[in-house]
Amino acid sequence: MTLDSIAIEGGFQNPVFDAQTIFRAVMQAMAEPGTIQRGIALAKPPAPLTPEAAAVALALCDQDTPIWLDPALAGDEAVRAWLAFHTGAPLANTPADAHFILAADPEHLIGLENFAQGSQEYPDRSATLVLQVNDLSGGEELVLDGPGIESEARLAPRPMPRHFTRQWAQNHARFPRGIDLILVSREGLAALPRSTRITSQEA
């Protein structure tokens, strides 16, 4: 199979409906941090980009939203070609220039402070990170509170960036600036908006 044929295939079966489904799932996950949105529409991208991460990219990214890929994804020509064909999104020259970050190896991701943080006047000019994780319930437990959470919520994604709770505390302290996270696995997707606090971490 040629690179061109790989790039062309594997998009949404029902582009408008599937993109709307993913967009609603992401918005629901952001509104209710820690909840897992299941049964989402999937794409069929070349590995190591996962169907769930690809679906989020198809729903959220376009020619006006530069993407930065972590080394695991950036090093794959088929992944770059697939994203270019299906989203039209340009690749950012640096992490700070990207609106969206796709990471297949979150455990070795660069520090969260390296991505666009927005400004006090324009906090929406920050980055959204889409992290491919193995699962959302088998790692160290994150206890969450904040807007959209009635008392507390619990999520246990793995793997996560090194020193994640410390990095997240620093990110939360920048509010309304700071990055947002979308976590995707075969279980579905979950989100950690910058307004969410991680109050403790348990094994």
N, C-alpha and C. Protein backbone atom coordinates (compact mmCIF):
# COMPACT_ATOMS: atom_id res chain seq x y z
N MET A 1 0.84 -1.19 0.00
CA MET A 1 0.00 0.00 0.00
C MET A 1 0.88 1.25 0.00
N THR A 2 0.60 2.18 -0.90
CA THR A 2 1.42 3.38 -1.02
C THR A 2 1.10 4.37 0.08
N LEU A 3 2.03 5.32 0.28
CA LEU A 3 1.80 6.36 1.28
C LEU A 3 0.56 7.17 0.94
N ASP A 4 0.34 7.44 -0.34
CA ASP A 4 -0.83 8.22 -0.75
C ASP A 4 -2.12 7.50 -0.39
N SER A 5 -2.18 6.19 -0.62
CA SER A 5 -3.41 5.45 -0.31
C SER A 5 -3.63 5.36 1.18
N ILE A 6 -2.56 5.24 1.97
CA ILE A 6 -2.68 5.23 3.42
C ILE A 6 -3.24 6.56 3.91
N ALA A 7 -2.76 7.65 3.33
CA ALA A 7 -3.20 8.97 3.77
C ALA A 7 -4.66 9.21 3.46
N ILE A 8 -5.14 8.70 2.34
CA ILE A 8 -6.51 8.97 1.91
C ILE A 8 -7.52 8.15 2.68
N GLU A 9 -7.17 6.93 3.04
CA GLU A 9 -8.12 6.04 3.71
C GLU A 9 -8.18 6.29 5.21
N GLY A 10 -9.22 5.75 5.83
CA GLY A 10 -9.27 5.71 7.29
C GLY A 10 -9.94 6.87 7.98
N GLY A 11 -10.62 7.74 7.23
CA GLY A 11 -11.35 8.83 7.86
C GLY A 11 -12.67 8.36 8.44
N PHE A 12 -13.48 9.29 8.93
CA PHE A 12 -14.79 8.95 9.45
C PHE A 12 -15.66 8.35 8.34
N GLN A 13 -16.47 7.36 8.69
CA GLN A 13 -17.41 6.79 7.73
C GLN A 13 -18.53 7.79 7.40
N ASN A 14 -18.98 8.51 8.43
CA ASN A 14 -20.00 9.55 8.27
C ASN A 14 -19.43 10.85 8.80
N PRO A 15 -18.66 11.57 7.99
CA PRO A 15 -17.84 12.68 8.49
C PRO A 15 -18.59 13.71 9.33
N VAL A 16 -19.72 14.20 8.87
CA VAL A 16 -20.43 15.24 9.62
C VAL A 16 -20.97 14.69 10.94
N PHE A 17 -21.67 13.57 10.88
CA PHE A 17 -22.26 12.98 12.07
C PHE A 17 -21.19 12.56 13.07
N ASP A 18 -20.15 11.88 12.58
CA ASP A 18 -19.11 11.38 13.48
C ASP A 18 -18.34 12.53 14.13
N ALA A 19 -18.04 13.59 13.37
CA ALA A 19 -17.35 14.74 13.94
C ALA A 19 -18.21 15.40 15.02
N GLN A 20 -19.49 15.50 14.79
CA GLN A 20 -20.39 16.08 15.80
C GLN A 20 -20.43 15.22 17.05
N THR A 21 -20.42 13.90 16.86
CA THR A 21 -20.44 12.98 18.00
C THR A 21 -19.19 13.15 18.86
N ILE A 22 -18.03 13.23 18.22
CA ILE A 22 -16.78 13.41 18.96
C ILE A 22 -16.76 14.77 19.63
N PHE A 23 -17.19 15.81 18.93
CA PHE A 23 -17.18 17.15 19.51
C PHE A 23 -18.05 17.19 20.77
N ARG A 24 -19.23 16.59 20.71
CA ARG A 24 -20.10 16.56 21.89
C ARG A 24 -19.45 15.78 23.03
N ALA A 25 -18.79 14.67 22.70
CA ALA A 25 -18.12 13.88 23.74
C ALA A 25 -17.02 14.67 24.42
N VAL A 26 -16.23 15.42 23.64
CA VAL A 26 -15.16 16.23 24.20
C VAL A 26 -15.75 17.33 25.09
N MET A 27 -16.80 17.99 24.62
CA MET A 27 -17.43 19.05 25.42
C MET A 27 -18.01 18.49 26.72
N GLN A 28 -18.62 17.31 26.66
CA GLN A 28 -19.16 16.68 27.86
C GLN A 28 -18.04 16.31 28.83
N ALA A 29 -16.94 15.79 28.29
CA ALA A 29 -15.80 15.42 29.13
C ALA A 29 -15.19 16.65 29.80
N MET A 30 -15.13 17.77 29.08
CA MET A 30 -14.61 19.00 29.67
C MET A 30 -15.55 19.54 30.74
N ALA A 31 -16.87 19.38 30.52
CA ALA A 31 -17.85 19.90 31.48
C ALA A 31 -17.92 19.05 32.74
N GLU A 32 -17.57 17.76 32.62
CA GLU A 32 -17.61 16.84 33.75
C GLU A 32 -16.27 16.13 33.87
N PRO A 33 -15.25 16.83 34.38
CA PRO A 33 -13.90 16.25 34.43
C PRO A 33 -13.88 14.92 35.18
N GLY A 34 -13.13 13.99 34.63
CA GLY A 34 -12.99 12.68 35.25
C GLY A 34 -13.96 11.64 34.75
N THR A 35 -15.03 12.06 34.07
CA THR A 35 -15.96 11.08 33.49
C THR A 35 -15.39 10.54 32.19
N ILE A 36 -15.73 9.31 31.88
CA ILE A 36 -15.25 8.66 30.67
C ILE A 36 -16.38 8.62 29.66
N GLN A 37 -16.15 9.21 28.51
CA GLN A 37 -17.13 9.19 27.42
C GLN A 37 -16.83 7.96 26.55
N ARG A 38 -17.80 7.07 26.50
CA ARG A 38 -17.59 5.80 25.81
C ARG A 38 -18.38 5.76 24.50
N GLY A 39 -18.06 4.77 23.68
CA GLY A 39 -18.80 4.57 22.45
C GLY A 39 -18.61 5.70 21.45
N ILE A 40 -17.41 6.28 21.42
CA ILE A 40 -17.17 7.41 20.53
C ILE A 40 -16.89 6.92 19.11
N ALA A 41 -17.13 7.79 18.14
CA ALA A 41 -16.82 7.46 16.76
C ALA A 41 -15.31 7.30 16.59
N LEU A 42 -14.91 6.40 15.72
CA LEU A 42 -13.50 6.10 15.55
C LEU A 42 -13.06 6.33 14.11
N ALA A 43 -11.79 6.64 13.95
CA ALA A 43 -11.16 6.69 12.64
C ALA A 43 -10.21 5.50 12.51
N LYS A 44 -9.59 5.36 11.37
CA LYS A 44 -8.65 4.25 11.13
C LYS A 44 -7.34 4.82 10.59
N PRO A 45 -6.56 5.44 11.47
CA PRO A 45 -5.31 6.05 11.04
C PRO A 45 -4.17 5.02 11.02
N PRO A 46 -3.04 5.38 10.45
CA PRO A 46 -1.86 4.53 10.56
C PRO A 46 -1.30 4.60 11.99
N ALA A 47 -0.83 3.46 12.50
CA ALA A 47 -0.17 3.44 13.80
C ALA A 47 1.15 4.22 13.69
N PRO A 48 1.61 4.82 14.82
CA PRO A 48 1.12 4.66 16.18
C PRO A 48 0.02 5.64 16.60
N LEU A 49 -0.56 6.39 15.68
CA LEU A 49 -1.72 7.22 16.01
C LEU A 49 -2.90 6.29 16.25
N THR A 50 -3.59 6.44 17.38
CA THR A 50 -4.68 5.54 17.71
C THR A 50 -6.00 6.02 17.10
N PRO A 51 -6.97 5.11 16.94
CA PRO A 51 -8.27 5.51 16.40
C PRO A 51 -8.95 6.60 17.21
N GLU A 52 -8.78 6.57 18.54
CA GLU A 52 -9.44 7.55 19.39
C GLU A 52 -8.79 8.93 19.25
N ALA A 53 -7.46 8.98 19.27
CA ALA A 53 -6.77 10.26 19.10
C ALA A 53 -7.02 10.83 17.72
N ALA A 54 -7.04 9.95 16.71
CA ALA A 54 -7.31 10.39 15.35
C ALA A 54 -8.70 10.99 15.24
N ALA A 55 -9.68 10.38 15.91
CA ALA A 55 -11.04 10.89 15.87
C ALA A 55 -11.13 12.30 16.47
N VAL A 56 -10.43 12.51 17.57
CA VAL A 56 -10.42 13.84 18.18
C VAL A 56 -9.79 14.85 17.23
N ALA A 57 -8.70 14.45 16.58
CA ALA A 57 -8.04 15.35 15.63
C ALA A 57 -8.98 15.70 14.47
N LEU A 58 -9.70 14.71 13.95
CA LEU A 58 -10.61 14.96 12.84
C LEU A 58 -11.72 15.93 13.25
N ALA A 59 -12.18 15.83 14.49
CA ALA A 59 -13.28 16.67 14.95
C ALA A 59 -12.86 18.09 15.31
N LEU A 60 -11.61 18.26 15.78
CA LEU A 60 -11.21 19.55 16.35
C LEU A 60 -10.20 20.33 15.52
N CYS A 61 -9.46 19.67 14.66
CA CYS A 61 -8.35 20.33 13.98
C CYS A 61 -8.70 20.68 12.53
N ASP A 62 -8.19 21.83 12.09
CA ASP A 62 -8.37 22.24 10.70
C ASP A 62 -7.19 23.10 10.27
N GLN A 63 -7.31 23.76 9.14
CA GLN A 63 -6.18 24.51 8.58
C GLN A 63 -5.76 25.69 9.45
N ASP A 64 -6.60 26.07 10.40
CA ASP A 64 -6.29 27.20 11.27
C ASP A 64 -5.76 26.78 12.63
N THR A 65 -5.55 25.48 12.84
CA THR A 65 -5.10 25.01 14.15
C THR A 65 -3.81 24.20 14.01
N PRO A 66 -2.65 24.84 14.12
CA PRO A 66 -1.38 24.10 14.01
C PRO A 66 -1.29 22.97 15.04
N ILE A 67 -0.72 21.86 14.62
CA ILE A 67 -0.56 20.68 15.46
C ILE A 67 0.92 20.45 15.72
N TRP A 68 1.25 20.06 16.95
CA TRP A 68 2.59 19.58 17.26
C TRP A 68 2.49 18.11 17.61
N LEU A 69 3.36 17.31 17.04
CA LEU A 69 3.39 15.87 17.29
C LEU A 69 4.60 15.52 18.14
N ASP A 70 4.39 14.64 19.13
CA ASP A 70 5.56 14.20 19.90
C ASP A 70 6.44 13.33 19.00
N PRO A 71 7.69 13.05 19.41
CA PRO A 71 8.61 12.32 18.53
C PRO A 71 8.08 10.98 18.02
N ALA A 72 7.29 10.29 18.84
CA ALA A 72 6.76 8.99 18.43
C ALA A 72 5.84 9.11 17.22
N LEU A 73 5.14 10.23 17.10
CA LEU A 73 4.24 10.46 15.97
C LEU A 73 4.93 11.23 14.85
N ALA A 74 5.74 12.22 15.22
CA ALA A 74 6.39 13.06 14.21
C ALA A 74 7.34 12.25 13.33
N GLY A 75 7.88 11.17 13.88
CA GLY A 75 8.83 10.36 13.12
C GLY A 75 8.18 9.42 12.12
N ASP A 76 6.85 9.39 12.09
CA ASP A 76 6.15 8.48 11.18
C ASP A 76 5.56 9.25 10.01
N GLU A 77 6.09 9.02 8.82
CA GLU A 77 5.66 9.77 7.64
C GLU A 77 4.19 9.52 7.31
N ALA A 78 3.72 8.29 7.53
CA ALA A 78 2.33 7.97 7.23
C ALA A 78 1.38 8.74 8.14
N VAL A 79 1.73 8.87 9.40
CA VAL A 79 0.90 9.64 10.34
C VAL A 79 0.83 11.09 9.90
N ARG A 80 1.96 11.67 9.57
CA ARG A 80 1.97 13.07 9.14
C ARG A 80 1.12 13.27 7.89
N ALA A 81 1.25 12.35 6.94
CA ALA A 81 0.49 12.46 5.69
C ALA A 81 -1.01 12.30 5.96
N TRP A 82 -1.37 11.37 6.83
CA TRP A 82 -2.78 11.12 7.14
C TRP A 82 -3.41 12.35 7.78
N LEU A 83 -2.74 12.93 8.75
CA LEU A 83 -3.28 14.12 9.42
C LEU A 83 -3.38 15.30 8.45
N ALA A 84 -2.39 15.46 7.60
CA ALA A 84 -2.41 16.56 6.64
C ALA A 84 -3.60 16.41 5.69
N PHE A 85 -3.85 15.20 5.20
CA PHE A 85 -4.92 14.99 4.26
C PHE A 85 -6.29 15.16 4.90
N HIS A 86 -6.48 14.59 6.10
CA HIS A 86 -7.81 14.54 6.70
C HIS A 86 -8.17 15.78 7.50
N THR A 87 -7.19 16.52 7.99
CA THR A 87 -7.51 17.70 8.79
C THR A 87 -7.09 19.01 8.13
N GLY A 88 -6.06 18.96 7.27
CA GLY A 88 -5.52 20.18 6.68
C GLY A 88 -4.72 21.01 7.65
N ALA A 89 -4.54 20.52 8.88
CA ALA A 89 -3.84 21.29 9.90
C ALA A 89 -2.33 21.29 9.63
N PRO A 90 -1.69 22.46 9.69
CA PRO A 90 -0.25 22.51 9.51
C PRO A 90 0.48 22.00 10.75
N LEU A 91 1.69 21.53 10.57
CA LEU A 91 2.52 21.13 11.71
C LEU A 91 3.22 22.37 12.26
N ALA A 92 3.14 22.55 13.57
CA ALA A 92 3.77 23.70 14.21
C ALA A 92 5.28 23.52 14.23
N ASN A 93 6.00 24.62 14.10
CA ASN A 93 7.46 24.57 14.15
C ASN A 93 7.98 24.28 15.55
N THR A 94 7.29 24.79 16.57
CA THR A 94 7.69 24.57 17.95
C THR A 94 6.46 24.21 18.77
N PRO A 95 6.63 23.57 19.93
CA PRO A 95 5.48 23.25 20.78
C PRO A 95 4.65 24.48 21.14
N ALA A 96 5.29 25.61 21.38
CA ALA A 96 4.58 26.81 21.81
C ALA A 96 3.71 27.41 20.71
N ASP A 97 3.94 27.00 19.45
CA ASP A 97 3.16 27.53 18.34
C ASP A 97 1.89 26.72 18.06
N ALA A 98 1.73 25.59 18.73
CA ALA A 98 0.65 24.67 18.40
C ALA A 98 -0.62 24.97 19.18
N HIS A 99 -1.76 24.78 18.51
CA HIS A 99 -3.05 24.84 19.19
C HIS A 99 -3.41 23.48 19.78
N PHE A 100 -2.99 22.42 19.09
CA PHE A 100 -3.25 21.05 19.56
C PHE A 100 -1.95 20.27 19.56
N ILE A 101 -1.80 19.42 20.57
CA ILE A 101 -0.65 18.54 20.69
C ILE A 101 -1.16 17.11 20.70
N LEU A 102 -0.57 16.25 19.89
CA LEU A 102 -0.90 14.83 19.89
C LEU A 102 0.32 14.08 20.38
N ALA A 103 0.14 13.26 21.40
CA ALA A 103 1.27 12.56 22.00
C ALA A 103 0.96 11.09 22.15
N ALA A 104 1.80 10.25 21.53
CA ALA A 104 1.66 8.80 21.63
C ALA A 104 2.48 8.24 22.78
N ASP A 105 3.39 9.03 23.32
CA ASP A 105 4.29 8.58 24.41
C ASP A 105 4.25 9.61 25.54
N PRO A 106 3.09 9.71 26.22
CA PRO A 106 2.95 10.77 27.23
C PRO A 106 3.94 10.68 28.38
N GLU A 107 4.44 9.49 28.67
CA GLU A 107 5.37 9.31 29.77
C GLU A 107 6.65 10.12 29.56
N HIS A 108 7.02 10.35 28.30
CA HIS A 108 8.25 11.08 27.99
C HIS A 108 7.96 12.43 27.34
N LEU A 109 6.76 12.95 27.58
CA LEU A 109 6.39 14.24 27.02
C LEU A 109 7.20 15.36 27.68
N ILE A 110 7.54 16.37 26.89
CA ILE A 110 8.21 17.54 27.47
C ILE A 110 7.28 18.21 28.47
N GLY A 111 7.83 19.10 29.30
CA GLY A 111 7.06 19.73 30.36
C GLY A 111 5.86 20.52 29.84
N LEU A 112 4.79 20.53 30.60
CA LEU A 112 3.57 21.21 30.18
C LEU A 112 3.77 22.70 29.97
N GLU A 113 4.76 23.27 30.63
CA GLU A 113 4.99 24.72 30.51
C GLU A 113 5.54 25.09 29.13
N ASN A 114 5.95 24.10 28.34
CA ASN A 114 6.50 24.38 27.01
C ASN A 114 5.43 24.64 25.96
N PHE A 115 4.17 24.39 26.31
CA PHE A 115 3.09 24.57 25.35
C PHE A 115 2.40 25.91 25.56
N ALA A 116 1.68 26.37 24.54
CA ALA A 116 1.03 27.68 24.60
C ALA A 116 0.11 27.76 25.81
N GLN A 117 0.30 28.80 26.62
CA GLN A 117 -0.44 28.96 27.86
C GLN A 117 -1.59 29.97 27.75
N GLY A 118 -1.68 30.68 26.61
CA GLY A 118 -2.64 31.76 26.52
C GLY A 118 -2.15 32.96 27.31
N SER A 119 -3.01 33.98 27.40
CA SER A 119 -2.67 35.17 28.18
C SER A 119 -3.85 35.53 29.06
N GLN A 120 -3.65 36.47 29.97
CA GLN A 120 -4.74 36.88 30.84
C GLN A 120 -5.88 37.45 30.00
N GLU A 121 -5.54 38.17 28.94
CA GLU A 121 -6.57 38.77 28.08
C GLU A 121 -7.19 37.74 27.13
N TYR A 122 -6.38 36.77 26.68
CA TYR A 122 -6.85 35.77 25.72
C TYR A 122 -6.46 34.37 26.21
N PRO A 123 -7.09 33.89 27.27
CA PRO A 123 -6.73 32.56 27.78
C PRO A 123 -7.07 31.43 26.82
N ASP A 124 -7.95 31.70 25.85
CA ASP A 124 -8.31 30.67 24.89
C ASP A 124 -7.21 30.41 23.86
N ARG A 125 -6.17 31.22 23.88
CA ARG A 125 -5.04 31.01 22.97
C ARG A 125 -4.02 30.04 23.54
N SER A 126 -4.49 29.12 24.31
CA SER A 126 -3.62 28.10 24.91
C SER A 126 -3.77 26.79 24.14
N ALA A 127 -2.95 25.83 24.48
CA ALA A 127 -2.93 24.55 23.78
C ALA A 127 -3.83 23.53 24.47
N THR A 128 -4.36 22.62 23.65
CA THR A 128 -5.05 21.44 24.15
C THR A 128 -4.21 20.23 23.81
N LEU A 129 -3.89 19.43 24.83
CA LEU A 129 -3.05 18.25 24.63
C LEU A 129 -3.93 17.01 24.55
N VAL A 130 -3.72 16.21 23.52
CA VAL A 130 -4.41 14.94 23.36
C VAL A 130 -3.39 13.83 23.63
N LEU A 131 -3.56 13.16 24.76
CA LEU A 131 -2.59 12.14 25.17
C LEU A 131 -3.16 10.75 24.95
N GLN A 132 -2.45 9.92 24.22
CA GLN A 132 -2.81 8.52 24.05
C GLN A 132 -2.32 7.75 25.27
N VAL A 133 -3.24 7.20 26.04
CA VAL A 133 -2.87 6.42 27.21
C VAL A 133 -3.33 4.98 27.02
N ASN A 134 -2.70 4.07 27.76
CA ASN A 134 -3.06 2.66 27.62
C ASN A 134 -4.47 2.39 28.15
N ASP A 135 -4.79 3.03 29.28
CA ASP A 135 -6.15 2.92 29.82
C ASP A 135 -6.39 4.08 30.78
N LEU A 136 -7.64 4.20 31.20
CA LEU A 136 -8.06 5.32 32.04
C LEU A 136 -8.36 4.89 33.47
N SER A 137 -8.12 3.62 33.78
CA SER A 137 -8.50 3.13 35.10
C SER A 137 -7.47 2.22 35.75
N GLY A 138 -6.29 2.08 35.15
CA GLY A 138 -5.32 1.14 35.70
C GLY A 138 -4.08 1.77 36.29
N GLY A 139 -4.01 3.09 36.29
CA GLY A 139 -2.82 3.77 36.81
C GLY A 139 -3.01 4.25 38.23
N GLU A 140 -2.16 5.21 38.61
CA GLU A 140 -2.31 5.81 39.93
C GLU A 140 -3.56 6.67 39.96
N GLU A 141 -4.32 6.59 41.03
CA GLU A 141 -5.60 7.26 41.07
C GLU A 141 -5.45 8.76 41.31
N LEU A 142 -6.09 9.53 40.45
CA LEU A 142 -6.14 10.97 40.59
C LEU A 142 -7.48 11.34 41.20
N VAL A 143 -7.47 12.08 42.29
CA VAL A 143 -8.70 12.55 42.93
C VAL A 143 -8.90 14.00 42.50
N LEU A 144 -10.01 14.26 41.85
CA LEU A 144 -10.24 15.54 41.20
C LEU A 144 -11.35 16.32 41.89
N ASP A 145 -11.20 17.63 41.92
CA ASP A 145 -12.32 18.48 42.30
C ASP A 145 -12.23 19.79 41.54
N GLY A 146 -13.31 20.53 41.56
CA GLY A 146 -13.36 21.79 40.83
C GLY A 146 -14.66 21.91 40.07
N PRO A 147 -14.76 22.89 39.18
CA PRO A 147 -15.99 23.11 38.41
C PRO A 147 -16.41 21.87 37.63
N GLY A 148 -17.71 21.57 37.69
CA GLY A 148 -18.25 20.42 36.99
C GLY A 148 -18.20 19.13 37.78
N ILE A 149 -17.65 19.18 39.01
CA ILE A 149 -17.53 18.00 39.85
C ILE A 149 -18.31 18.26 41.14
N GLU A 150 -19.31 17.45 41.41
CA GLU A 150 -20.19 17.70 42.55
C GLU A 150 -19.45 17.63 43.87
N SER A 151 -18.71 16.59 44.10
CA SER A 151 -17.91 16.48 45.33
C SER A 151 -16.46 16.16 44.96
N GLU A 152 -16.27 14.96 44.38
CA GLU A 152 -14.96 14.61 43.84
C GLU A 152 -15.15 13.58 42.75
N ALA A 153 -14.17 13.48 41.88
CA ALA A 153 -14.16 12.47 40.83
C ALA A 153 -12.82 11.77 40.86
N ARG A 154 -12.78 10.58 40.33
CA ARG A 154 -11.55 9.79 40.34
C ARG A 154 -11.27 9.25 38.95
N LEU A 155 -10.01 9.32 38.58
CA LEU A 155 -9.56 8.85 37.28
C LEU A 155 -8.16 8.28 37.49
N ALA A 156 -7.83 7.22 36.75
CA ALA A 156 -6.53 6.58 36.94
C ALA A 156 -5.88 6.25 35.60
N PRO A 157 -5.55 7.26 34.81
CA PRO A 157 -4.95 7.01 33.50
C PRO A 157 -3.49 6.59 33.62
N ARG A 158 -3.04 5.82 32.64
CA ARG A 158 -1.63 5.46 32.56
C ARG A 158 -1.25 5.16 31.12
N PRO A 159 0.01 5.48 30.76
CA PRO A 159 0.99 6.26 31.53
C PRO A 159 0.70 7.75 31.39
N MET A 160 1.24 8.52 32.33
CA MET A 160 1.08 9.97 32.31
C MET A 160 2.46 10.63 32.31
N PRO A 161 2.51 11.91 31.98
CA PRO A 161 3.80 12.61 32.02
C PRO A 161 4.45 12.51 33.39
N ARG A 162 5.76 12.51 33.41
CA ARG A 162 6.51 12.42 34.66
C ARG A 162 6.16 13.60 35.57
N HIS A 163 6.10 13.31 36.88
CA HIS A 163 5.79 14.32 37.89
C HIS A 163 4.49 15.05 37.54
N PHE A 164 3.51 14.27 37.10
CA PHE A 164 2.31 14.89 36.55
C PHE A 164 1.57 15.74 37.57
N THR A 165 1.37 15.25 38.79
CA THR A 165 0.58 16.03 39.75
C THR A 165 1.26 17.36 40.08
N ARG A 166 2.58 17.37 40.14
CA ARG A 166 3.30 18.62 40.40
C ARG A 166 3.16 19.56 39.21
N GLN A 167 3.32 19.01 38.00
CA GLN A 167 3.15 19.83 36.81
C GLN A 167 1.73 20.39 36.73
N TRP A 168 0.74 19.55 37.09
CA TRP A 168 -0.64 19.99 36.98
C TRP A 168 -0.96 21.08 38.02
N ALA A 169 -0.38 20.98 39.20
CA ALA A 169 -0.58 22.03 40.20
C ALA A 169 -0.07 23.37 39.69
N GLN A 170 1.07 23.34 39.00
CA GLN A 170 1.62 24.57 38.44
C GLN A 170 0.72 25.08 37.31
N ASN A 171 0.20 24.15 36.51
CA ASN A 171 -0.70 24.54 35.43
C ASN A 171 -1.98 25.17 35.98
N HIS A 172 -2.55 24.54 36.99
CA HIS A 172 -3.79 25.06 37.59
C HIS A 172 -3.56 26.44 38.19
N ALA A 173 -2.38 26.67 38.75
CA ALA A 173 -2.08 27.96 39.38
C ALA A 173 -2.02 29.09 38.36
N ARG A 174 -1.85 28.77 37.08
CA ARG A 174 -1.80 29.80 36.05
C ARG A 174 -3.20 30.25 35.61
N PHE A 175 -4.24 29.60 36.07
CA PHE A 175 -5.60 29.89 35.63
C PHE A 175 -5.89 31.40 35.71
N PRO A 176 -6.52 32.00 34.67
CA PRO A 176 -7.21 31.35 33.55
C PRO A 176 -6.30 30.90 32.41
N ARG A 177 -4.99 31.17 32.53
CA ARG A 177 -4.06 30.63 31.56
C ARG A 177 -3.86 29.14 31.84
N GLY A 178 -3.14 28.47 30.95
CA GLY A 178 -2.83 27.06 31.16
C GLY A 178 -3.40 26.17 30.08
N ILE A 179 -2.89 24.95 30.04
CA ILE A 179 -3.30 23.99 29.01
C ILE A 179 -4.45 23.12 29.53
N ASP A 180 -5.18 22.51 28.59
CA ASP A 180 -6.21 21.53 28.89
C ASP A 180 -5.77 20.18 28.34
N LEU A 181 -6.24 19.11 28.97
CA LEU A 181 -5.87 17.76 28.54
C LEU A 181 -7.09 16.97 28.08
N ILE A 182 -6.93 16.23 27.00
CA ILE A 182 -7.88 15.20 26.59
C ILE A 182 -7.12 13.88 26.61
N LEU A 183 -7.63 12.91 27.34
CA LEU A 183 -7.00 11.60 27.47
C LEU A 183 -7.82 10.60 26.68
N VAL A 184 -7.16 9.84 25.81
CA VAL A 184 -7.87 8.87 24.97
C VAL A 184 -7.26 7.49 25.14
N SER A 185 -8.15 6.49 25.22
CA SER A 185 -7.73 5.10 25.26
C SER A 185 -8.83 4.27 24.62
N ARG A 186 -8.65 2.97 24.58
CA ARG A 186 -9.69 2.10 24.02
C ARG A 186 -10.98 2.18 24.85
N GLU A 187 -10.88 2.65 26.09
CA GLU A 187 -12.08 2.81 26.92
C GLU A 187 -12.94 3.99 26.49
N GLY A 188 -12.35 4.96 25.82
CA GLY A 188 -13.07 6.17 25.44
C GLY A 188 -12.18 7.38 25.65
N LEU A 189 -12.80 8.48 26.06
CA LEU A 189 -12.01 9.69 26.31
C LEU A 189 -12.46 10.36 27.60
N ALA A 190 -11.53 11.07 28.22
CA ALA A 190 -11.79 11.85 29.42
C ALA A 190 -11.01 13.14 29.29
N ALA A 191 -11.33 14.12 30.11
CA ALA A 191 -10.67 15.42 29.99
C ALA A 191 -10.31 15.96 31.36
N LEU A 192 -9.24 16.74 31.37
CA LEU A 192 -8.82 17.50 32.54
C LEU A 192 -8.66 18.95 32.11
N PRO A 193 -9.70 19.78 32.25
CA PRO A 193 -9.54 21.20 31.96
C PRO A 193 -8.67 21.86 33.02
N ARG A 194 -8.10 22.99 32.67
CA ARG A 194 -7.16 23.68 33.57
C ARG A 194 -7.79 24.08 34.89
N SER A 195 -9.11 24.18 34.95
CA SER A 195 -9.80 24.57 36.17
C SER A 195 -9.89 23.44 37.19
N THR A 196 -9.55 22.21 36.79
CA THR A 196 -9.64 21.06 37.67
C THR A 196 -8.43 21.00 38.60
N ARG A 197 -8.71 20.72 39.87
CA ARG A 197 -7.65 20.51 40.85
C ARG A 197 -7.46 19.02 41.09
N ILE A 198 -6.20 18.61 41.22
CA ILE A 198 -5.90 17.24 41.65
C ILE A 198 -5.50 17.35 43.10
N THR A 199 -6.37 16.86 43.99
CA THR A 199 -6.16 17.06 45.42
C THR A 199 -5.26 16.01 46.04
N SER A 200 -5.20 14.83 45.43
CA SER A 200 -4.31 13.80 45.95
C SER A 200 -4.10 12.77 44.88
N GLN A 201 -3.11 11.93 45.11
CA GLN A 201 -2.81 10.84 44.18
C GLN A 201 -2.55 9.60 45.02
N GLU A 202 -3.27 8.53 44.71
CA GLU A 202 -3.14 7.31 45.48
C GLU A 202 -2.72 6.17 44.57
N ALA A 203 -1.98 5.24 45.14
CA ALA A 203 -1.56 4.08 44.34
C ALA A 203 -2.75 3.15 44.13
